[in-house]
Amino acid sequence: MSDRRWQYKVETVKTSIWNNKPDNVDGVIQDRLTRLGVEGWELVSVVPYGHLNRLYLKR
């Protein structure tokens, strides 16, 4: 049996359509996910929360 243990992380991304154009929001989320991926994080789920998205990650 492996000794590997998962780490979990929750990131919150603002997605208000009043403050950002949709293309800009996509770019911001993509940049954040790319940076997290370089750190070894894998996106598991996205949950909408009002004008926010909660990103659940593990590594």
C-alpha atoms as a PDB file:
ATOM      1  CA  MET A   1       0.000   0.000   0.000  1.00  0.00           C
ATOM      2  CA  SER A   2       1.308   3.467  -0.891  1.00  0.00           C
ATOM      3  CA  ASP A   3       2.206   6.069   1.743  1.00  0.00           C
ATOM      4  CA  ARG A   4       1.123   8.825  -0.621  1.00  0.00           C
ATOM      5  CA  ARG A   5      -1.361  11.209   0.906  1.00  0.00           C
ATOM      6  CA  TRP A   6      -3.438  13.694  -1.022  1.00  0.00           C
ATOM      7  CA  GLN A   7      -3.320  17.408  -0.386  1.00  0.00           C
ATOM      8  CA  TYR A   8      -6.387  19.491  -1.146  1.00  0.00           C
ATOM      9  CA  LYS A   9      -6.777  23.145  -2.045  1.00  0.00           C
ATOM     10  CA  VAL A  10      -9.754  25.435  -2.624  1.00  0.00           C
ATOM     11  CA  GLU A  11      -9.337  28.504  -4.829  1.00  0.00           C
ATOM     12  CA  THR A  12     -12.060  31.107  -5.297  1.00  0.00           C
ATOM     13  CA  VAL A  13     -12.295  32.958  -8.606  1.00  0.00           C
ATOM     14  CA  LYS A  14     -14.472  36.034  -9.070  1.00  0.00           C
ATOM     15  CA  THR A  15     -16.583  35.748 -12.210  1.00  0.00           C
ATOM     16  CA  SER A  16     -18.803  38.792 -11.965  1.00  0.00           C
ATOM     17  CA  ILE A  17     -20.044  39.750 -15.431  1.00  0.00           C
ATOM     18  CA  TRP A  18     -20.352  43.338 -14.229  1.00  0.00           C
ATOM     19  CA  ASN A  19     -16.618  43.771 -13.607  1.00  0.00           C
ATOM     20  CA  ASN A  20     -15.027  41.658 -16.355  1.00  0.00           C
ATOM     21  CA  LYS A  21     -15.750  40.691 -19.909  1.00  0.00           C
ATOM     22  CA  PRO A  22     -16.280  36.913 -20.270  1.00  0.00           C
ATOM     23  CA  ASP A  23     -13.122  36.540 -22.387  1.00  0.00           C
ATOM     24  CA  ASN A  24     -11.076  38.236 -19.665  1.00  0.00           C
ATOM     25  CA  VAL A  25     -12.592  35.996 -16.963  1.00  0.00           C
ATOM     26  CA  ASP A  26     -11.680  32.899 -19.004  1.00  0.00           C
ATOM     27  CA  GLY A  27      -8.117  34.149 -19.377  1.00  0.00           C
ATOM     28  CA  VAL A  28      -7.779  34.849 -15.655  1.00  0.00           C
ATOM     29  CA  ILE A  29      -9.075  31.392 -14.726  1.00  0.00           C
ATOM     30  CA  GLN A  30      -6.880  29.709 -17.346  1.00  0.00           C
ATOM     31  CA  ASP A  31      -3.773  31.541 -16.107  1.00  0.00           C
ATOM     32  CA  ARG A  32      -4.514  30.575 -12.500  1.00  0.00           C
ATOM     33  CA  LEU A  33      -5.107  26.911 -13.431  1.00  0.00           C
ATOM     34  CA  THR A  34      -1.894  26.812 -15.473  1.00  0.00           C
ATOM     35  CA  ARG A  35       0.095  28.205 -12.541  1.00  0.00           C
ATOM     36  CA  LEU A  36      -1.493  25.699 -10.151  1.00  0.00           C
ATOM     37  CA  GLY A  37      -0.796  22.844 -12.589  1.00  0.00           C
ATOM     38  CA  VAL A  38       2.887  23.747 -12.651  1.00  0.00           C
ATOM     39  CA  GLU A  39       2.800  23.430  -8.832  1.00  0.00           C
ATOM     40  CA  GLY A  40       1.377  19.905  -9.217  1.00  0.00           C
ATOM     41  CA  TRP A  41      -2.285  20.681  -8.505  1.00  0.00           C
ATOM     42  CA  GLU A  42      -5.021  18.889 -10.470  1.00  0.00           C
ATOM     43  CA  LEU A  43      -8.492  20.411 -10.861  1.00  0.00           C
ATOM     44  CA  VAL A  44     -11.110  18.044  -9.463  1.00  0.00           C
ATOM     45  CA  SER A  45     -14.291  20.117  -9.477  1.00  0.00           C
ATOM     46  CA  VAL A  46     -15.718  23.589 -10.013  1.00  0.00           C
ATOM     47  CA  VAL A  47     -18.722  24.749  -7.995  1.00  0.00           C
ATOM     48  CA  PRO A  48     -20.522  28.012  -8.852  1.00  0.00           C
ATOM     49  CA  TYR A  49     -21.141  30.183  -5.793  1.00  0.00           C
ATOM     50  CA  GLY A  50     -22.965  33.408  -6.681  1.00  0.00           C
ATOM     51  CA  HIS A  51     -20.555  35.556  -8.696  1.00  0.00           C
ATOM     52  CA  LEU A  52     -17.706  33.266  -7.684  1.00  0.00           C
ATOM     53  CA  ASN A  53     -16.450  29.864  -8.720  1.00  0.00           C
ATOM     54  CA  ARG A  54     -14.882  27.584  -6.164  1.00  0.00           C
ATOM     55  CA  LEU A  55     -12.106  25.480  -7.682  1.00  0.00           C
ATOM     56  CA  TYR A  56     -11.335  22.240  -5.830  1.00  0.00           C
ATOM     57  CA  LEU A  57      -7.875  20.819  -6.483  1.00  0.00           C
ATOM     58  CA  LYS A  58      -5.730  17.936  -5.272  1.00  0.00           C
ATOM     59  CA  ARG A  59      -2.127  16.800  -5.542  1.00  0.00           C
END
